[in-house]
Structure formats: structure tokens, C-alpha cells
Protein backbone atom coordinates (compact mmCIF):
# COMPACT_ATOMS: atom_id res chain seq x y z
CA MET A 1 2.45 1.38 1.31
CA LEU A 2 0.87 4.81 1.19
CA GLN A 3 3.23 6.16 -1.43
CA THR A 4 2.84 3.09 -3.63
CA LYS A 5 -0.93 3.46 -3.68
CA GLY A 6 -0.81 7.28 -3.92
CA LEU A 7 -2.96 7.72 -0.80
CA ASN A 8 -3.37 10.91 1.20
CA ASN A 9 -1.39 11.55 4.41
CA ILE A 10 -4.55 11.27 6.54
CA TYR A 11 -4.08 7.47 6.44
CA TRP A 12 -0.67 7.46 8.20
CA ALA A 13 -2.05 6.64 11.66
CA LYS A 14 -4.11 3.71 10.38
CA THR A 15 -1.20 2.43 8.30
CA ILE A 16 1.13 2.46 11.32
CA ARG A 17 -1.50 0.72 13.46
CA ILE A 18 -1.95 -2.00 10.82
CA GLY A 19 1.83 -2.40 10.49
CA MET A 20 2.19 -2.93 14.24
CA TYR A 21 -0.75 -5.35 14.24
CA MET A 22 1.05 -7.40 11.58
CA LEU A 23 4.45 -7.24 13.32
CA ASN A 24 2.89 -8.55 16.54
CA ARG A 25 1.77 -11.62 14.61
CA CYS A 26 5.18 -12.38 13.04
CA THR A 27 7.80 -14.58 14.67
CA THR A 28 10.82 -12.94 16.24
CA SER A 29 14.21 -14.35 17.23
CA SER A 30 14.15 -12.49 20.57
CA LEU A 31 11.19 -14.66 21.62
CA ASP A 32 12.68 -17.95 20.37
CA GLY A 33 10.57 -18.07 17.21
CA ILE A 34 7.17 -17.27 18.66
CA THR A 35 5.13 -14.15 17.98
CA PRO A 36 4.66 -11.29 20.45
CA PHE A 37 0.93 -12.10 20.34
CA GLU A 38 1.63 -15.68 21.44
CA ALA A 39 3.95 -14.50 24.21
CA TRP A 40 1.34 -12.09 25.59
CA TYR A 41 -1.85 -14.14 25.24
CA ALA A 42 -0.37 -17.68 25.46
CA LYS A 43 -2.26 -18.76 22.33
CA ARG A 44 -1.58 -18.75 18.60
CA SER A 45 -2.88 -15.90 16.51
CA ASN A 46 -5.07 -16.43 13.46
CA VAL A 47 -3.78 -14.63 10.36
CA ASN A 48 -6.26 -16.04 7.83
CA HIS A 49 -7.81 -12.58 7.50
CA PHE A 50 -4.58 -10.99 6.19
CA ARG A 51 -4.85 -9.64 2.65
CA VAL A 52 -2.36 -8.00 0.28
CA PHE A 53 -2.48 -4.19 0.53
CA SER A 54 -0.88 -3.44 -2.82
CA CYS A 55 0.72 -5.71 -5.33
CA MET A 56 1.48 -5.79 -9.06
CA VAL A 57 0.55 -9.14 -10.58
CA TYR A 58 1.67 -10.64 -13.85
CA VAL A 59 0.40 -13.94 -15.22
CA HIS A 60 2.93 -16.11 -16.99
CA VAL A 61 1.56 -17.73 -20.13
CA PRO A 62 3.89 -20.41 -21.51
CA LYS A 63 5.19 -19.70 -25.00
CA GLU A 64 3.33 -22.69 -26.42
CA GLN A 65 -0.04 -21.34 -25.20
CA ARG A 66 0.36 -17.70 -26.31
CA GLN A 67 -1.83 -16.28 -29.03
CA ASN A 68 -0.75 -13.25 -31.09
């Protein structure tokens, strides 16, 4: 993520912390499909606050609607 955005190395610690935060809210086969957060706190985690860190986006315009 850091290299893609061209960020300085001072952000490594925060990036790793955010990565672990996200991994703890993803299902895992070793816990029979529940998240580590659910296993620890016995409740579901809310991931509505997740946002894309870096992403290239292209909009597809159908050929019929394109203007030269």
C-alpha cells in the first residue's frame, strides 16, 4: 500500500497496525468461518467504516453512449 501511494517509510507502523486490524475482522478457516474479533469478543464486528486505501478506477461508457 505504501509503495503504491508513494508514501514515506514513517507510515510503516501505522500501515501494519491497520493491516492487522483488518485481518482480525476477516473470516478464517481455522476458526470455522468466524473472525478473530468474533472469537475474542463473542460479538460481530462492524466493518461499515472500512474505506479503500488506494485504487485506480475506470468508468465504462458503452459504445453507444460515447461522444468523440
